[in-house]
């Protein structure tokens, strides 16, 4: 698995937990769309890396953005 050391600062204006949940959902969709733009081998590797660190639910979610033709 490839690893990167990345510092990411995300800011948003939220007032409720509901707003936080909405922002997280939007972020997941954004990541999925970016994932779909990668070549198939990189998408497969990304999903395998998620499974490799025990994030099976997330791997399943992002598999929806990995179409197999």
PDB file of N, CA and C in Angstrom:
ATOM      1  N   UNK A   1       0.844  -1.168   0.000  1.00  0.00           N
ATOM      2  CA  UNK A   1       0.000   0.000   0.000  1.00  0.00           C
ATOM      3  C   UNK A   1       0.895   1.238   0.000  1.00  0.00           C
ATOM      4  N   UNK A   2       0.566   2.171  -0.842  1.00  0.00           N
ATOM      5  CA  UNK A   2       1.274   3.436  -0.896  1.00  0.00           C
ATOM      6  C   UNK A   2       0.788   4.309   0.249  1.00  0.00           C
ATOM      7  N   UNK A   3       1.717   4.999   0.889  1.00  0.00           N
ATOM      8  CA  UNK A   3       1.285   5.905   1.955  1.00  0.00           C
ATOM      9  C   UNK A   3       1.823   7.302   1.672  1.00  0.00           C
ATOM     10  N   UNK A   4       1.064   8.274   2.084  1.00  0.00           N
ATOM     11  CA  UNK A   4       1.415   9.666   1.894  1.00  0.00           C
ATOM     12  C   UNK A   4       1.230  10.387   3.218  1.00  0.00           C
ATOM     13  N   UNK A   5       2.038  11.386   3.446  1.00  0.00           N
ATOM     14  CA  UNK A   5       1.917  12.220   4.630  1.00  0.00           C
ATOM     15  C   UNK A   5       1.285  13.532   4.177  1.00  0.00           C
ATOM     16  N   UNK A   6      -0.007  13.697   4.441  1.00  0.00           N
ATOM     17  CA  UNK A   6      -0.751  14.851   3.946  1.00  0.00           C
ATOM     18  C   UNK A   6      -1.398  15.573   5.121  1.00  0.00           C
ATOM     19  N   UNK A   7      -1.237  16.883   5.135  1.00  0.00           N
ATOM     20  CA  UNK A   7      -1.953  17.714   6.099  1.00  0.00           C
ATOM     21  C   UNK A   7      -3.082  18.404   5.354  1.00  0.00           C
ATOM     22  N   UNK A   8      -4.290  18.241   5.851  1.00  0.00           N
ATOM     23  CA  UNK A   8      -5.461  18.788   5.181  1.00  0.00           C
ATOM     24  C   UNK A   8      -6.287  19.556   6.202  1.00  0.00           C
ATOM     25  N   UNK A   9      -6.541  20.805   5.901  1.00  0.00           N
ATOM     26  CA  UNK A   9      -7.401  21.622   6.753  1.00  0.00           C
ATOM     27  C   UNK A   9      -8.684  21.914   5.995  1.00  0.00           C
ATOM     28  N   UNK A  10      -9.789  21.503   6.572  1.00  0.00           N
ATOM     29  CA  UNK A  10     -11.091  21.723   5.953  1.00  0.00           C
ATOM     30  C   UNK A  10     -11.902  22.598   6.893  1.00  0.00           C
ATOM     31  N   UNK A  11     -12.486  23.639   6.340  1.00  0.00           N
ATOM     32  CA  UNK A  11     -13.333  24.493   7.170  1.00  0.00           C
ATOM     33  C   UNK A  11     -14.715  24.590   6.538  1.00  0.00           C
ATOM     34  N   UNK A  12     -15.683  24.713   7.376  1.00  0.00           N
ATOM     35  CA  UNK A  12     -17.055  24.889   6.922  1.00  0.00           C
ATOM     36  C   UNK A  12     -17.833  25.554   8.055  1.00  0.00           C
ATOM     37  N   UNK A  13     -18.907  26.177   7.708  1.00  0.00           N
ATOM     38  CA  UNK A  13     -19.743  26.808   8.725  1.00  0.00           C
ATOM     39  C   UNK A  13     -20.958  25.926   8.952  1.00  0.00           C
ATOM     40  N   UNK A  14     -21.020  25.332  10.118  1.00  0.00           N
ATOM     41  CA  UNK A  14     -22.151  24.484  10.474  1.00  0.00           C
ATOM     42  C   UNK A  14     -22.674  24.912  11.835  1.00  0.00           C
ATOM     43  N   UNK A  15     -23.944  24.674  12.030  1.00  0.00           N
ATOM     44  CA  UNK A  15     -24.556  25.046  13.296  1.00  0.00           C
ATOM     45  C   UNK A  15     -25.098  23.847  14.058  1.00  0.00           C
ATOM     46  N   UNK A  16     -25.356  22.758  13.346  1.00  0.00           N
ATOM     47  CA  UNK A  16     -25.935  21.593  14.004  1.00  0.00           C
ATOM     48  C   UNK A  16     -25.215  20.327  13.554  1.00  0.00           C
ATOM     49  N   UNK A  17     -25.447  19.249  14.277  1.00  0.00           N
ATOM     50  CA  UNK A  17     -24.897  17.944  13.897  1.00  0.00           C
ATOM     51  C   UNK A  17     -25.456  17.534  12.535  1.00  0.00           C
ATOM     52  N   UNK A  18     -26.660  17.916  12.259  1.00  0.00           N
ATOM     53  CA  UNK A  18     -27.277  17.630  10.960  1.00  0.00           C
ATOM     54  C   UNK A  18     -26.480  18.283   9.830  1.00  0.00           C
ATOM     55  N   UNK A  19     -26.045  19.507  10.065  1.00  0.00           N
ATOM     56  CA  UNK A  19     -25.216  20.204   9.076  1.00  0.00           C
ATOM     57  C   UNK A  19     -23.888  19.478   8.868  1.00  0.00           C
ATOM     58  N   UNK A  20     -23.311  18.975   9.951  1.00  0.00           N
ATOM     59  CA  UNK A  20     -22.052  18.227   9.864  1.00  0.00           C
ATOM     60  C   UNK A  20     -22.260  16.964   9.031  1.00  0.00           C
ATOM     61  N   UNK A  21     -23.337  16.246   9.290  1.00  0.00           N
ATOM     62  CA  UNK A  21     -23.632  15.022   8.543  1.00  0.00           C
ATOM     63  C   UNK A  21     -23.794  15.325   7.055  1.00  0.00           C
ATOM     64  N   UNK A  22     -24.450  16.425   6.735  1.00  0.00           N
ATOM     65  CA  UNK A  22     -24.630  16.820   5.341  1.00  0.00           C
ATOM     66  C   UNK A  22     -23.282  17.121   4.686  1.00  0.00           C
ATOM     67  N   UNK A  23     -22.421  17.836   5.379  1.00  0.00           N
ATOM     68  CA  UNK A  23     -21.097  18.162   4.836  1.00  0.00           C
ATOM     69  C   UNK A  23     -20.264  16.900   4.626  1.00  0.00           C
ATOM     70  N   UNK A  24     -20.338  15.957   5.549  1.00  0.00           N
ATOM     71  CA  UNK A  24     -19.603  14.694   5.401  1.00  0.00           C
ATOM     72  C   UNK A  24     -20.131  13.920   4.200  1.00  0.00           C
ATOM     73  N   UNK A  25     -21.434  13.897   4.022  1.00  0.00           N
ATOM     74  CA  UNK A  25     -22.025  13.217   2.864  1.00  0.00           C
ATOM     75  C   UNK A  25     -21.553  13.840   1.561  1.00  0.00           C
ATOM     76  N   UNK A  26     -21.508  15.146   1.515  1.00  0.00           N
ATOM     77  CA  UNK A  26     -21.034  15.839   0.311  1.00  0.00           C
ATOM     78  C   UNK A  26     -19.568  15.518   0.043  1.00  0.00           C
ATOM     79  N   UNK A  27     -18.779  15.453   1.091  1.00  0.00           N
ATOM     80  CA  UNK A  27     -17.359  15.124   0.942  1.00  0.00           C
ATOM     81  C   UNK A  27     -17.185  13.708   0.404  1.00  0.00           C
ATOM     82  N   UNK A  28     -17.989  12.765   0.899  1.00  0.00           N
ATOM     83  CA  UNK A  28     -17.921  11.384   0.408  1.00  0.00           C
ATOM     84  C   UNK A  28     -18.253  11.310  -1.080  1.00  0.00           C
ATOM     85  N   UNK A  29     -19.273  12.036  -1.503  1.00  0.00           N
ATOM     86  CA  UNK A  29     -19.647  12.033  -2.918  1.00  0.00           C
ATOM     87  C   UNK A  29     -18.533  12.663  -3.755  1.00  0.00           C
ATOM     88  N   UNK A  30     -17.950  13.743  -3.268  1.00  0.00           N
ATOM     89  CA  UNK A  30     -16.849  14.392  -3.983  1.00  0.00           C
ATOM     90  C   UNK A  30     -15.680  13.437  -4.155  1.00  0.00           C
ATOM     91  N   UNK A  31     -15.317  12.727  -3.099  1.00  0.00           N
ATOM     92  CA  UNK A  31     -14.234  11.743  -3.181  1.00  0.00           C
ATOM     93  C   UNK A  31     -14.600  10.650  -4.179  1.00  0.00           C
ATOM     94  N   UNK A  32     -15.827  10.199  -4.152  1.00  0.00           N
ATOM     95  CA  UNK A  32     -16.275   9.169  -5.087  1.00  0.00           C
ATOM     96  C   UNK A  32     -16.180   9.615  -6.534  1.00  0.00           C
ATOM     97  N   UNK A  33     -16.555  10.851  -6.804  1.00  0.00           N
ATOM     98  CA  UNK A  33     -16.475  11.371  -8.174  1.00  0.00           C
ATOM     99  C   UNK A  33     -15.017  11.467  -8.615  1.00  0.00           C
ATOM    100  N   UNK A  34     -14.149  11.928  -7.731  1.00  0.00           N
ATOM    101  CA  UNK A  34     -12.714  11.970  -8.058  1.00  0.00           C
ATOM    102  C   UNK A  34     -12.177  10.564  -8.296  1.00  0.00           C
ATOM    103  N   UNK A  35     -12.603   9.616  -7.484  1.00  0.00           N
ATOM    104  CA  UNK A  35     -12.184   8.224  -7.641  1.00  0.00           C
ATOM    105  C   UNK A  35     -12.609   7.684  -9.004  1.00  0.00           C
ATOM    106  N   UNK A  36     -13.814   8.006  -9.428  1.00  0.00           N
ATOM    107  CA  UNK A  36     -14.325   7.514 -10.709  1.00  0.00           C
ATOM    108  C   UNK A  36     -13.513   8.036 -11.887  1.00  0.00           C
ATOM    109  N   UNK A  37     -12.821   9.146 -11.704  1.00  0.00           N
ATOM    110  CA  UNK A  37     -12.012   9.720 -12.775  1.00  0.00           C
ATOM    111  C   UNK A  37     -10.633   9.068 -12.888  1.00  0.00           C
ATOM    112  N   UNK A  38     -10.254   8.264 -11.895  1.00  0.00           N
ATOM    113  CA  UNK A  38      -8.961   7.578 -11.940  1.00  0.00           C
ATOM    114  C   UNK A  38      -9.021   6.392 -12.897  1.00  0.00           C
ATOM    115  N   UNK A  39      -7.861   5.954 -13.386  1.00  0.00           N
ATOM    116  CA  UNK A  39      -7.826   4.730 -14.191  1.00  0.00           C
ATOM    117  C   UNK A  39      -8.285   3.534 -13.347  1.00  0.00           C
ATOM    118  N   UNK A  40      -8.845   2.501 -13.981  1.00  0.00           N
ATOM    119  CA  UNK A  40      -9.378   1.350 -13.241  1.00  0.00           C
ATOM    120  C   UNK A  40      -8.390   0.723 -12.257  1.00  0.00           C
ATOM    121  N   UNK A  41      -7.125   0.628 -12.631  1.00  0.00           N
ATOM    122  CA  UNK A  41      -6.141   0.005 -11.733  1.00  0.00           C
ATOM    123  C   UNK A  41      -5.978   0.811 -10.448  1.00  0.00           C
ATOM    124  N   UNK A  42      -5.996   2.142 -10.566  1.00  0.00           N
ATOM    125  CA  UNK A  42      -5.855   2.984  -9.377  1.00  0.00           C
ATOM    126  C   UNK A  42      -7.110   2.927  -8.510  1.00  0.00           C
ATOM    127  N   UNK A  43      -8.275   2.833  -9.138  1.00  0.00           N
ATOM    128  CA  UNK A  43      -9.511   2.686  -8.352  1.00  0.00           C
ATOM    129  C   UNK A  43      -9.474   1.383  -7.567  1.00  0.00           C
ATOM    130  N   UNK A  44      -9.085   0.301  -8.247  1.00  0.00           N
ATOM    131  CA  UNK A  44      -9.001  -1.004  -7.578  1.00  0.00           C
ATOM    132  C   UNK A  44      -8.013  -0.961  -6.423  1.00  0.00           C
ATOM    133  N   UNK A  45      -6.877  -0.303  -6.641  1.00  0.00           N
ATOM    134  CA  UNK A  45      -5.847  -0.201  -5.605  1.00  0.00           C
ATOM    135  C   UNK A  45      -6.354   0.601  -4.403  1.00  0.00           C
ATOM    136  N   UNK A  46      -7.057   1.700  -4.663  1.00  0.00           N
ATOM    137  CA  UNK A  46      -7.620   2.535  -3.605  1.00  0.00           C
ATOM    138  C   UNK A  46      -8.577   1.721  -2.739  1.00  0.00           C
ATOM    139  N   UNK A  47      -9.454   0.974  -3.384  1.00  0.00           N
ATOM    140  CA  UNK A  47     -10.435   0.159  -2.663  1.00  0.00           C
ATOM    141  C   UNK A  47      -9.745  -0.961  -1.897  1.00  0.00           C
ATOM    142  N   UNK A  48      -8.727  -1.577  -2.503  1.00  0.00           N
ATOM    143  CA  UNK A  48      -7.968  -2.627  -1.812  1.00  0.00           C
ATOM    144  C   UNK A  48      -7.242  -2.062  -0.596  1.00  0.00           C
ATOM    145  N   UNK A  49      -6.722  -0.849  -0.710  1.00  0.00           N
ATOM    146  CA  UNK A  49      -6.052  -0.209   0.427  1.00  0.00           C
ATOM    147  C   UNK A  49      -7.029   0.029   1.576  1.00  0.00           C
ATOM    148  N   UNK A  50      -8.250   0.457   1.252  1.00  0.00           N
ATOM    149  CA  UNK A  50      -9.259   0.646   2.298  1.00  0.00           C
ATOM    150  C   UNK A  50      -9.536  -0.669   3.020  1.00  0.00           C
ATOM    151  N   UNK A  51      -9.706  -1.738   2.240  1.00  0.00           N
ATOM    152  CA  UNK A  51      -9.941  -3.056   2.837  1.00  0.00           C
ATOM    153  C   UNK A  51      -8.743  -3.494   3.661  1.00  0.00           C
ATOM    154  N   UNK A  52      -7.545  -3.167   3.185  1.00  0.00           N
ATOM    155  CA  UNK A  52      -6.316  -3.570   3.864  1.00  0.00           C
ATOM    156  C   UNK A  52      -6.159  -2.980   5.251  1.00  0.00           C
ATOM    157  N   UNK A  53      -6.773  -1.828   5.488  1.00  0.00           N
ATOM    158  CA  UNK A  53      -6.700  -1.216   6.817  1.00  0.00           C
ATOM    159  C   UNK A  53      -8.004  -1.404   7.592  1.00  0.00           C
ATOM    160  N   UNK A  54      -8.845  -2.326   7.105  1.00  0.00           N
ATOM    161  CA  UNK A  54     -10.055  -2.679   7.841  1.00  0.00           C
ATOM    162  C   UNK A  54     -11.245  -1.774   7.605  1.00  0.00           C
ATOM    163  N   UNK A  55     -11.191  -0.937   6.581  1.00  0.00           N
ATOM    164  CA  UNK A  55     -12.311  -0.042   6.289  1.00  0.00           C
ATOM    165  C   UNK A  55     -13.213  -0.667   5.226  1.00  0.00           C
ATOM    166  N   UNK A  56     -13.787  -1.818   5.569  1.00  0.00           N
ATOM    167  CA  UNK A  56     -14.591  -2.580   4.613  1.00  0.00           C
ATOM    168  C   UNK A  56     -15.875  -1.861   4.208  1.00  0.00           C
ATOM    169  N   UNK A  57     -16.502  -1.184   5.146  1.00  0.00           N
ATOM    170  CA  UNK A  57     -17.736  -0.454   4.830  1.00  0.00           C
ATOM    171  C   UNK A  57     -17.450   0.677   3.843  1.00  0.00           C
ATOM    172  N   UNK A  58     -16.340   1.380   4.064  1.00  0.00           N
ATOM    173  CA  UNK A  58     -15.953   2.454   3.159  1.00  0.00           C
ATOM    174  C   UNK A  58     -15.572   1.898   1.787  1.00  0.00           C
ATOM    175  N   UNK A  59     -14.875   0.754   1.783  1.00  0.00           N
ATOM    176  CA  UNK A  59     -14.503   0.113   0.516  1.00  0.00           C
ATOM    177  C   UNK A  59     -15.755  -0.241  -0.274  1.00  0.00           C
ATOM    178  N   UNK A  60     -16.765  -0.723   0.416  1.00  0.00           N
ATOM    179  CA  UNK A  60     -18.027  -1.061  -0.243  1.00  0.00           C
ATOM    180  C   UNK A  60     -18.693   0.190  -0.814  1.00  0.00           C
ATOM    181  N   UNK A  61     -18.669   1.272  -0.045  1.00  0.00           N
ATOM    182  CA  UNK A  61     -19.244   2.537  -0.505  1.00  0.00           C
ATOM    183  C   UNK A  61     -18.560   3.003  -1.784  1.00  0.00           C
ATOM    184  N   UNK A  62     -17.231   3.023  -1.782  1.00  0.00           N
ATOM    185  CA  UNK A  62     -16.501   3.547  -2.934  1.00  0.00           C
ATOM    186  C   UNK A  62     -16.477   2.574  -4.103  1.00  0.00           C
ATOM    187  N   UNK A  63     -16.824   1.317  -3.875  1.00  0.00           N
ATOM    188  CA  UNK A  63     -16.956   0.371  -4.989  1.00  0.00           C
ATOM    189  C   UNK A  63     -18.085   0.802  -5.926  1.00  0.00           C
ATOM    190  N   UNK A  64     -19.041   1.564  -5.398  1.00  0.00           N
ATOM    191  CA  UNK A  64     -20.123   2.088  -6.235  1.00  0.00           C
ATOM    192  C   UNK A  64     -19.613   3.071  -7.283  1.00  0.00           C
ATOM    193  N   UNK A  65     -18.441   3.659  -7.036  1.00  0.00           N
ATOM    194  CA  UNK A  65     -17.847   4.607  -7.974  1.00  0.00           C
ATOM    195  C   UNK A  65     -16.787   3.933  -8.847  1.00  0.00           C
ATOM    196  N   UNK A  66     -16.766   2.602  -8.847  1.00  0.00           N
ATOM    197  CA  UNK A  66     -15.778   1.827  -9.597  1.00  0.00           C
ATOM    198  C   UNK A  66     -16.506   0.893 -10.559  1.00  0.00           C
ATOM    199  N   UNK A  67     -17.066   1.467 -11.633  1.00  0.00           N
ATOM    200  CA  UNK A  67     -17.855   0.641 -12.554  1.00  0.00           C
ATOM    201  C   UNK A  67     -17.003  -0.402 -13.260  1.00  0.00           C
ATOM    202  N   UNK A  68     -17.550  -1.585 -13.390  1.00  0.00           N
ATOM    203  CA  UNK A  68     -16.883  -2.668 -14.122  1.00  0.00           C
ATOM    204  C   UNK A  68     -17.682  -2.896 -15.399  1.00  0.00           C
ATOM    205  N   UNK A  69     -17.051  -2.623 -16.513  1.00  0.00           N
ATOM    206  CA  UNK A  69     -17.743  -2.764 -17.806  1.00  0.00           C
ATOM    207  C   UNK A  69     -17.456  -4.130 -18.377  1.00  0.00           C
TER     208      UNK A  69
END
